[in-house]
Structures are given as structure tokens and as C-alpha cells.
Amino acid sequence: MSRAGVAATVGRAALISVLAGPLACSPVLGSEVVQTGPSAPPRAPDAPVALFFWNVGLPASPYVEIGRIRVESTSSLPEVLGEAQARARQMGADAIIVDLRYHYQSLPVTFDAAGVPHVPETPRLNANATAIRYVPGS
């Protein structure tokens, strides 16, 4: 590749880095839901959704699984749990059983004006939750 081609490539990478920089710093919050059991009407936006953590303890009342929720984020734990609870409400869940894990995923590589690559170390918090409904009359 010629010097002009290298300079153009480095220039484009630097421009992408400058344009994407503000986005990379903003917290990312995304979620997906899979219905795995009987459907239920959505609950009110302010309805409580109990939190249980799989490694701490499960609900004492009998329940049925109605779905799975996955939240991926670079934001805080309260925001991640809030998103899981909001999605559970939409599914009509009474509670969620949460599995939390910190891990690093694929990260974007950016180049500065000198062509030096930079890889941000952005922690990602993934929460997998099982949405449940209590069995009536139990």
C-alpha cells in the first residue's frame, strides 16, 4: 500500500474514532425476551416484581417459568435489574430469578492519528433472568 493509501486509512480510522468516541463512553443497555411458558397479561408499570438471585435463594412459593430475559449493559447494576424487571412486567411476571456475571466481550478497536490501535476495557454486565408467575392457590 502506498504512503497516501496508509495516510488515508489512518485518517479514516481517526475520524471514525473521533465520531464514535462519545458513543463508546455512553452506557449501553439492551435486552431481549423469550417466552418459554404460559402467556400472561402485562402488569402495571409500577407493579412490584420480586428479585431472587439463583445463588442466594429461590422463591418459597410454587411458581411456573413464563420466560427468559437477557440484559446486556455497560451501565450500573440497578439499571440492569430495573430493565429486567420492566421486561418481566411486560410479560406478566410476579418475580424474576437473576443470574449475574461480569465478563468482557468483543471490544471495538480504534486508531489514533498516528495509527496506534486502542482497545477500551469496558466492563459488560450481563444479567440472565427467569421470569416467573406464582401458582395460584398454593
C-alpha atoms as a PDB file:
ATOM      1  CA  MET A   1       0.000   0.000   0.000  1.00  0.00           C
ATOM      2  CA  SER A   2       1.331   3.451  -0.849  1.00  0.00           C
ATOM      3  CA  ARG A   3       2.041   6.161   1.714  1.00  0.00           C
ATOM      4  CA  ALA A   4      -1.036   8.043   0.506  1.00  0.00           C
ATOM      5  CA  GLY A   5      -3.159   4.922   0.978  1.00  0.00           C
ATOM      6  CA  VAL A   6      -1.806   4.374   4.504  1.00  0.00           C
ATOM      7  CA  ALA A   7      -2.388   8.031   5.382  1.00  0.00           C
ATOM      8  CA  ALA A   8      -5.959   7.871   4.062  1.00  0.00           C
ATOM      9  CA  THR A   9      -6.644   4.685   6.036  1.00  0.00           C
ATOM     10  CA  VAL A  10      -5.214   6.167   9.235  1.00  0.00           C
ATOM     11  CA  GLY A  11      -7.187   9.371   8.631  1.00  0.00           C
ATOM     12  CA  ARG A  12     -10.460   7.441   8.211  1.00  0.00           C
ATOM     13  CA  ALA A  13      -9.750   5.386  11.338  1.00  0.00           C
ATOM     14  CA  ALA A  14      -9.032   8.552  13.309  1.00  0.00           C
ATOM     15  CA  LEU A  15     -12.254  10.161  12.051  1.00  0.00           C
ATOM     16  CA  ILE A  16     -14.264   7.070  12.997  1.00  0.00           C
ATOM     17  CA  SER A  17     -12.609   7.113  16.418  1.00  0.00           C
ATOM     18  CA  VAL A  18     -13.499  10.780  16.936  1.00  0.00           C
ATOM     19  CA  LEU A  19     -17.086  10.283  15.795  1.00  0.00           C
ATOM     20  CA  ALA A  20     -17.621   7.039  17.721  1.00  0.00           C
ATOM     21  CA  GLY A  21     -15.791   8.193  20.857  1.00  0.00           C
ATOM     22  CA  PRO A  22     -18.813   9.859  22.520  1.00  0.00           C
ATOM     23  CA  LEU A  23     -20.945   6.804  21.771  1.00  0.00           C
ATOM     24  CA  ALA A  24     -18.378   4.430  23.276  1.00  0.00           C
ATOM     25  CA  CYS A  25     -18.462   6.359  26.566  1.00  0.00           C
ATOM     26  CA  SER A  26     -22.258   6.283  26.888  1.00  0.00           C
ATOM     27  CA  PRO A  27     -23.773   3.390  28.832  1.00  0.00           C
ATOM     28  CA  VAL A  28     -25.350   0.762  26.625  1.00  0.00           C
ATOM     29  CA  LEU A  29     -28.462  -1.058  27.750  1.00  0.00           C
ATOM     30  CA  GLY A  30     -30.157  -3.720  25.678  1.00  0.00           C
ATOM     31  CA  SER A  31     -32.474  -6.608  26.408  1.00  0.00           C
ATOM     32  CA  GLU A  32     -34.269  -9.485  24.770  1.00  0.00           C
ATOM     33  CA  VAL A  33     -37.105 -11.714  25.920  1.00  0.00           C
ATOM     34  CA  VAL A  34     -38.075 -15.285  25.041  1.00  0.00           C
ATOM     35  CA  GLN A  35     -41.475 -16.620  26.059  1.00  0.00           C
ATOM     36  CA  THR A  36     -40.984 -20.130  27.497  1.00  0.00           C
ATOM     37  CA  GLY A  37     -44.242 -20.751  29.322  1.00  0.00           C
ATOM     38  CA  PRO A  38     -47.873 -19.702  29.500  1.00  0.00           C
ATOM     39  CA  SER A  39     -48.581 -16.129  28.496  1.00  0.00           C
ATOM     40  CA  ALA A  40     -49.999 -13.657  30.988  1.00  0.00           C
ATOM     41  CA  PRO A  41     -51.364 -10.135  30.648  1.00  0.00           C
ATOM     42  CA  PRO A  42     -48.846  -7.342  31.249  1.00  0.00           C
ATOM     43  CA  ARG A  43     -48.691  -5.891  34.730  1.00  0.00           C
ATOM     44  CA  ALA A  44     -48.991  -2.205  35.586  1.00  0.00           C
ATOM     45  CA  PRO A  45     -45.777  -0.175  35.059  1.00  0.00           C
ATOM     46  CA  ASP A  46     -45.460   0.377  38.822  1.00  0.00           C
ATOM     47  CA  ALA A  47     -46.333  -3.205  39.834  1.00  0.00           C
ATOM     48  CA  PRO A  48     -43.665  -4.811  42.027  1.00  0.00           C
ATOM     49  CA  VAL A  49     -41.541  -7.582  40.547  1.00  0.00           C
ATOM     50  CA  ALA A  50     -39.684  -9.523  43.251  1.00  0.00           C
ATOM     51  CA  LEU A  51     -35.983 -10.199  42.762  1.00  0.00           C
ATOM     52  CA  PHE A  52     -34.369 -13.528  43.595  1.00  0.00           C
ATOM     53  CA  PHE A  53     -30.781 -14.469  42.842  1.00  0.00           C
ATOM     54  CA  TRP A  54     -30.095 -18.046  41.780  1.00  0.00           C
ATOM     55  CA  ASN A  55     -27.032 -18.346  44.004  1.00  0.00           C
ATOM     56  CA  VAL A  56     -28.762 -16.883  47.090  1.00  0.00           C
ATOM     57  CA  GLY A  57     -32.206 -18.462  47.200  1.00  0.00           C
ATOM     58  CA  LEU A  58     -35.288 -19.306  45.198  1.00  0.00           C
ATOM     59  CA  PRO A  59     -38.897 -18.339  45.953  1.00  0.00           C
ATOM     60  CA  ALA A  60     -40.586 -20.369  48.684  1.00  0.00           C
ATOM     61  CA  SER A  61     -43.931 -20.320  46.831  1.00  0.00           C
ATOM     62  CA  PRO A  62     -44.574 -22.673  43.914  1.00  0.00           C
ATOM     63  CA  TYR A  63     -44.085 -20.978  40.552  1.00  0.00           C
ATOM     64  CA  VAL A  64     -44.060 -21.595  36.830  1.00  0.00           C
ATOM     65  CA  GLU A  65     -41.489 -20.219  34.403  1.00  0.00           C
ATOM     66  CA  ILE A  66     -43.019 -17.952  31.778  1.00  0.00           C
ATOM     67  CA  GLY A  67     -39.941 -16.567  30.049  1.00  0.00           C
ATOM     68  CA  ARG A  68     -36.258 -15.755  29.884  1.00  0.00           C
ATOM     69  CA  ILE A  69     -34.834 -12.248  29.876  1.00  0.00           C
ATOM     70  CA  ARG A  70     -31.294 -11.276  28.917  1.00  0.00           C
ATOM     71  CA  VAL A  71     -29.946  -7.803  29.634  1.00  0.00           C
ATOM     72  CA  GLU A  72     -26.545  -6.639  28.385  1.00  0.00           C
ATOM     73  CA  SER A  73     -25.151  -3.346  29.553  1.00  0.00           C
ATOM     74  CA  THR A  74     -22.209  -1.148  30.377  1.00  0.00           C
ATOM     75  CA  SER A  75     -24.381   0.745  32.859  1.00  0.00           C
ATOM     76  CA  SER A  76     -24.950   0.134  36.560  1.00  0.00           C
ATOM     77  CA  LEU A  77     -26.408  -2.891  38.301  1.00  0.00           C
ATOM     78  CA  PRO A  78     -29.589  -1.031  39.389  1.00  0.00           C
ATOM     79  CA  GLU A  79     -30.260  -0.050  35.752  1.00  0.00           C
ATOM     80  CA  VAL A  80     -29.714  -3.628  34.577  1.00  0.00           C
ATOM     81  CA  LEU A  81     -32.058  -5.039  37.231  1.00  0.00           C
ATOM     82  CA  GLY A  82     -34.597  -2.294  36.500  1.00  0.00           C
ATOM     83  CA  GLU A  83     -34.601  -3.225  32.809  1.00  0.00           C
ATOM     84  CA  ALA A  84     -35.068  -6.917  33.670  1.00  0.00           C
ATOM     85  CA  GLN A  85     -37.977  -6.041  35.980  1.00  0.00           C
ATOM     86  CA  ALA A  86     -39.575  -3.797  33.340  1.00  0.00           C
ATOM     87  CA  ARG A  87     -39.404  -6.563  30.739  1.00  0.00           C
ATOM     88  CA  ALA A  88     -40.800  -9.056  33.295  1.00  0.00           C
ATOM     89  CA  ARG A  89     -43.762  -6.722  33.947  1.00  0.00           C
ATOM     90  CA  GLN A  90     -44.471  -6.659  30.215  1.00  0.00           C
ATOM     91  CA  MET A  91     -44.581 -10.470  30.308  1.00  0.00           C
ATOM     92  CA  GLY A  92     -46.919 -10.504  33.330  1.00  0.00           C
ATOM     93  CA  ALA A  93     -44.330 -11.939  35.731  1.00  0.00           C
ATOM     94  CA  ASP A  94     -44.591 -11.806  39.524  1.00  0.00           C
ATOM     95  CA  ALA A  95     -40.844 -12.198  40.052  1.00  0.00           C
ATOM     96  CA  ILE A  96     -37.525 -12.874  38.357  1.00  0.00           C
ATOM     97  CA  ILE A  97     -34.678 -15.195  39.284  1.00  0.00           C
ATOM     98  CA  VAL A  98     -31.474 -13.420  38.260  1.00  0.00           C
ATOM     99  CA  ASP A  99     -28.104 -14.821  37.199  1.00  0.00           C
ATOM    100  CA  LEU A 100     -25.418 -12.092  37.058  1.00  0.00           C
ATOM    101  CA  ARG A 101     -21.974 -12.374  35.545  1.00  0.00           C
ATOM    102  CA  TYR A 102     -19.269  -9.835  34.785  1.00  0.00           C
ATOM    103  CA  HIS A 103     -17.258 -10.512  31.694  1.00  0.00           C
ATOM    104  CA  TYR A 104     -15.512  -8.814  28.824  1.00  0.00           C
ATOM    105  CA  GLN A 105     -16.868  -9.280  25.337  1.00  0.00           C
ATOM    106  CA  SER A 106     -15.559  -8.312  21.912  1.00  0.00           C
ATOM    107  CA  LEU A 107     -14.460  -4.715  22.031  1.00  0.00           C
ATOM    108  CA  PRO A 108     -14.120  -2.176  19.228  1.00  0.00           C
ATOM    109  CA  VAL A 109     -10.628  -1.290  18.099  1.00  0.00           C
ATOM    110  CA  THR A 110      -9.971   2.363  17.245  1.00  0.00           C
ATOM    111  CA  PHE A 111      -6.854   4.001  15.817  1.00  0.00           C
ATOM    112  CA  ASP A 112      -5.421   7.377  16.750  1.00  0.00           C
ATOM    113  CA  ALA A 113      -3.949   9.810  14.216  1.00  0.00           C
ATOM    114  CA  ALA A 114      -0.560   8.068  14.458  1.00  0.00           C
ATOM    115  CA  GLY A 115      -2.126   4.708  13.598  1.00  0.00           C
ATOM    116  CA  VAL A 116      -1.775   3.296  17.115  1.00  0.00           C
ATOM    117  CA  PRO A 117      -4.635   0.902  17.954  1.00  0.00           C
ATOM    118  CA  HIS A 118      -6.633   1.388  21.149  1.00  0.00           C
ATOM    119  CA  VAL A 119      -8.949  -1.152  22.751  1.00  0.00           C
ATOM    120  CA  PRO A 120     -11.155   0.202  25.547  1.00  0.00           C
ATOM    121  CA  GLU A 121     -11.626  -2.064  28.534  1.00  0.00           C
ATOM    122  CA  THR A 122     -15.317  -1.542  29.050  1.00  0.00           C
ATOM    123  CA  PRO A 123     -16.810  -3.958  31.557  1.00  0.00           C
ATOM    124  CA  ARG A 124     -20.073  -5.507  30.467  1.00  0.00           C
ATOM    125  CA  LEU A 125     -22.625  -6.718  32.911  1.00  0.00           C
ATOM    126  CA  ASN A 126     -24.872  -9.451  31.621  1.00  0.00           C
ATOM    127  CA  ALA A 127     -27.966 -10.466  33.525  1.00  0.00           C
ATOM    128  CA  ASN A 128     -29.938 -13.558  32.635  1.00  0.00           C
ATOM    129  CA  ALA A 129     -33.281 -13.710  34.392  1.00  0.00           C
ATOM    130  CA  THR A 130     -36.051 -16.265  34.511  1.00  0.00           C
ATOM    131  CA  ALA A 131     -39.472 -14.615  34.619  1.00  0.00           C
ATOM    132  CA  ILE A 132     -41.920 -16.494  36.840  1.00  0.00           C
ATOM    133  CA  ARG A 133     -45.544 -16.399  37.948  1.00  0.00           C
ATOM    134  CA  TYR A 134     -46.654 -17.833  41.253  1.00  0.00           C
ATOM    135  CA  VAL A 135     -49.071 -20.751  41.075  1.00  0.00           C
ATOM    136  CA  PRO A 136     -52.479 -19.508  42.284  1.00  0.00           C
ATOM    137  CA  GLY A 137     -53.884 -21.123  45.429  1.00  0.00           C
ATOM    138  CA  SER A 138     -50.587 -22.607  46.572  1.00  0.00           C
END
